[in-house]
Amino acid sequence: MLESYNKLGIERFLLYAPWQPRGLERETTDMIIDLCALGRSYGLSIVILSQGMAGEIGLNAAVRRNLNTQFIGRIHPLDFEEAQRLAASYYISPENLLTLPEGHFYFLGRMNPSPTPLLISFQIGEKERTG
């Protein structure tokens, strides 16, 4: 029997759990860390959308450690060092992450049926294209 999960999506995640939270950001970051760490045992599936991985443009490291599935598209050059650390454990070229075309993502983690990351892609319509 398939389990039923509640879903929570957080877009512009950097606003709620930045790399180095201060003030009210610290409270929201702590809440999100708890949600990510305990959510699965209560049937909560959390989807986090962010344009950065680390540093000034990235996710809080404690939150990232509690994510069990990731889709990683083209990265910003500021994320290169973090991408090197992540990519080394998955045999992905960090240089490749800098140049991935729009609509291409590496799929890694528990939901991935393969032990190695899968490169997936989809077509982006002309109206949605950014560059």
Protein backbone atom coordinates (compact mmCIF):
# COMPACT_ATOMS: atom_id res chain seq x y z
CA MET A 1 0.00 0.00 0.00
CA LEU A 2 1.31 3.47 -0.89
CA GLU A 3 1.71 5.96 1.91
CA SER A 4 -0.08 9.28 1.71
CA TYR A 5 2.06 12.39 2.19
CA ASN A 6 1.22 16.01 2.83
CA LYS A 7 3.28 18.42 0.77
CA LEU A 8 4.84 21.76 1.59
CA GLY A 9 6.53 23.85 -1.08
CA ILE A 10 8.81 26.78 -0.25
CA GLU A 11 9.88 28.98 -3.15
CA ARG A 12 12.59 31.67 -2.85
CA PHE A 13 13.94 29.56 -0.02
CA LEU A 14 16.89 31.84 0.59
CA LEU A 15 14.49 34.33 2.19
CA TYR A 16 13.54 31.84 4.95
CA ALA A 17 16.71 29.84 5.67
CA PRO A 18 19.76 31.66 4.31
CA TRP A 19 23.35 30.50 4.57
CA GLN A 20 23.99 32.69 7.64
CA PRO A 21 20.64 33.58 9.26
CA ARG A 22 20.30 36.65 11.48
CA GLY A 23 17.45 37.86 13.71
CA LEU A 24 14.05 36.57 12.60
CA GLU A 25 15.76 34.51 9.87
CA ARG A 26 17.33 32.42 12.68
CA GLU A 27 13.86 31.49 13.99
CA THR A 28 12.50 30.54 10.57
CA THR A 29 15.69 28.62 9.76
CA ASP A 30 15.41 26.61 13.01
CA MET A 31 11.75 25.80 12.25
CA ILE A 32 12.59 24.66 8.73
CA ILE A 33 15.51 22.54 9.96
CA ASP A 34 13.10 20.79 12.35
CA LEU A 35 10.51 20.34 9.60
CA CYS A 36 13.08 18.82 7.24
CA ALA A 37 14.52 16.54 9.93
CA LEU A 38 11.20 15.28 11.31
CA GLY A 39 8.77 15.81 8.45
CA ARG A 40 9.17 12.41 6.82
CA SER A 41 8.24 10.54 9.98
CA TYR A 42 4.98 12.51 10.06
CA GLY A 43 4.21 12.09 6.36
CA LEU A 44 5.34 15.58 5.31
CA SER A 45 7.11 15.91 1.97
CA ILE A 46 8.98 19.23 1.64
CA VAL A 47 9.90 20.80 -1.70
CA ILE A 48 12.47 23.60 -1.56
CA LEU A 49 13.20 25.86 -4.53
CA SER A 50 16.36 27.91 -4.54
CA GLN A 51 18.65 29.46 -7.10
CA GLY A 52 21.77 29.01 -4.99
CA MET A 53 23.53 26.22 -3.13
CA ALA A 54 25.85 27.91 -0.65
CA GLY A 55 27.38 31.16 0.53
CA GLU A 56 25.54 34.45 0.17
CA ILE A 57 23.13 33.06 -2.42
CA GLY A 58 22.62 29.63 -0.90
CA LEU A 59 20.71 27.39 1.45
CA ASN A 60 21.50 26.89 5.09
CA ALA A 61 23.83 23.86 5.36
CA ALA A 62 21.80 22.21 8.16
CA VAL A 63 18.71 22.27 5.94
CA ARG A 64 20.62 20.88 2.93
CA ARG A 65 21.88 17.95 5.01
CA ASN A 66 18.26 16.92 5.67
CA LEU A 67 17.18 16.87 2.03
CA ASN A 68 17.00 13.38 0.63
CA THR A 69 16.37 14.17 -3.05
CA GLN A 70 17.80 17.00 -5.14
CA PHE A 71 17.47 18.34 -8.66
CA ILE A 72 20.50 20.44 -9.57
CA GLY A 73 20.51 22.56 -12.71
CA ARG A 74 23.01 25.10 -13.98
CA ILE A 75 24.78 26.68 -11.03
CA HIS A 76 25.98 30.21 -10.43
CA PRO A 77 29.79 30.62 -10.41
CA LEU A 78 29.56 31.59 -6.71
CA ASP A 79 28.40 28.00 -6.05
CA PHE A 80 31.37 26.36 -7.77
CA GLU A 81 33.23 25.36 -4.57
CA GLU A 82 30.10 23.85 -3.04
CA ALA A 83 29.36 22.07 -6.32
CA GLN A 84 32.87 20.59 -6.29
CA ARG A 85 32.23 19.05 -2.86
CA LEU A 86 28.84 17.68 -3.85
CA ALA A 87 29.87 16.54 -7.32
CA ALA A 88 32.94 14.67 -6.07
CA SER A 89 30.78 12.16 -4.21
CA TYR A 90 28.58 11.60 -7.28
CA TYR A 91 31.21 11.70 -10.07
CA ILE A 92 29.65 14.78 -11.68
CA SER A 93 31.93 17.33 -13.29
CA PRO A 94 31.42 20.63 -11.47
CA GLU A 95 32.45 22.42 -14.67
CA ASN A 96 29.50 20.74 -16.38
CA LEU A 97 27.15 22.21 -13.76
CA LEU A 98 28.24 25.72 -14.82
CA THR A 99 27.16 25.12 -18.42
CA LEU A 100 24.05 22.93 -18.25
CA PRO A 101 21.48 24.09 -20.80
CA GLU A 102 18.06 25.33 -19.64
CA GLY A 103 15.77 22.43 -18.83
CA HIS A 104 18.59 20.03 -17.85
CA PHE A 105 18.98 18.81 -14.27
CA TYR A 106 20.85 16.16 -12.35
CA PHE A 107 18.46 14.04 -10.28
CA LEU A 108 20.10 12.54 -7.18
CA GLY A 109 19.10 11.12 -3.84
CA ARG A 110 16.61 8.62 -2.49
CA MET A 111 13.87 9.09 -5.10
CA ASN A 112 16.35 8.42 -7.90
CA PRO A 113 16.07 4.74 -8.89
CA SER A 114 19.73 4.73 -9.94
CA PRO A 115 22.73 4.71 -7.57
CA THR A 116 24.30 7.42 -9.74
CA PRO A 117 22.73 10.79 -10.62
CA LEU A 118 20.56 10.86 -13.71
CA LEU A 119 20.73 13.75 -16.15
CA ILE A 120 17.14 14.58 -17.05
CA SER A 121 15.80 17.21 -19.40
CA PHE A 122 12.57 18.73 -20.66
CA GLN A 123 11.66 21.16 -23.41
CA ILE A 124 11.07 24.77 -22.42
CA GLY A 125 8.50 26.64 -24.50
CA GLU A 126 9.48 29.88 -26.25
CA LYS A 127 7.37 31.99 -23.83
CA GLU A 128 9.13 30.53 -20.76
CA ARG A 129 12.69 30.79 -22.12
CA THR A 130 14.94 33.19 -20.17
CA GLY A 131 18.08 33.36 -22.22
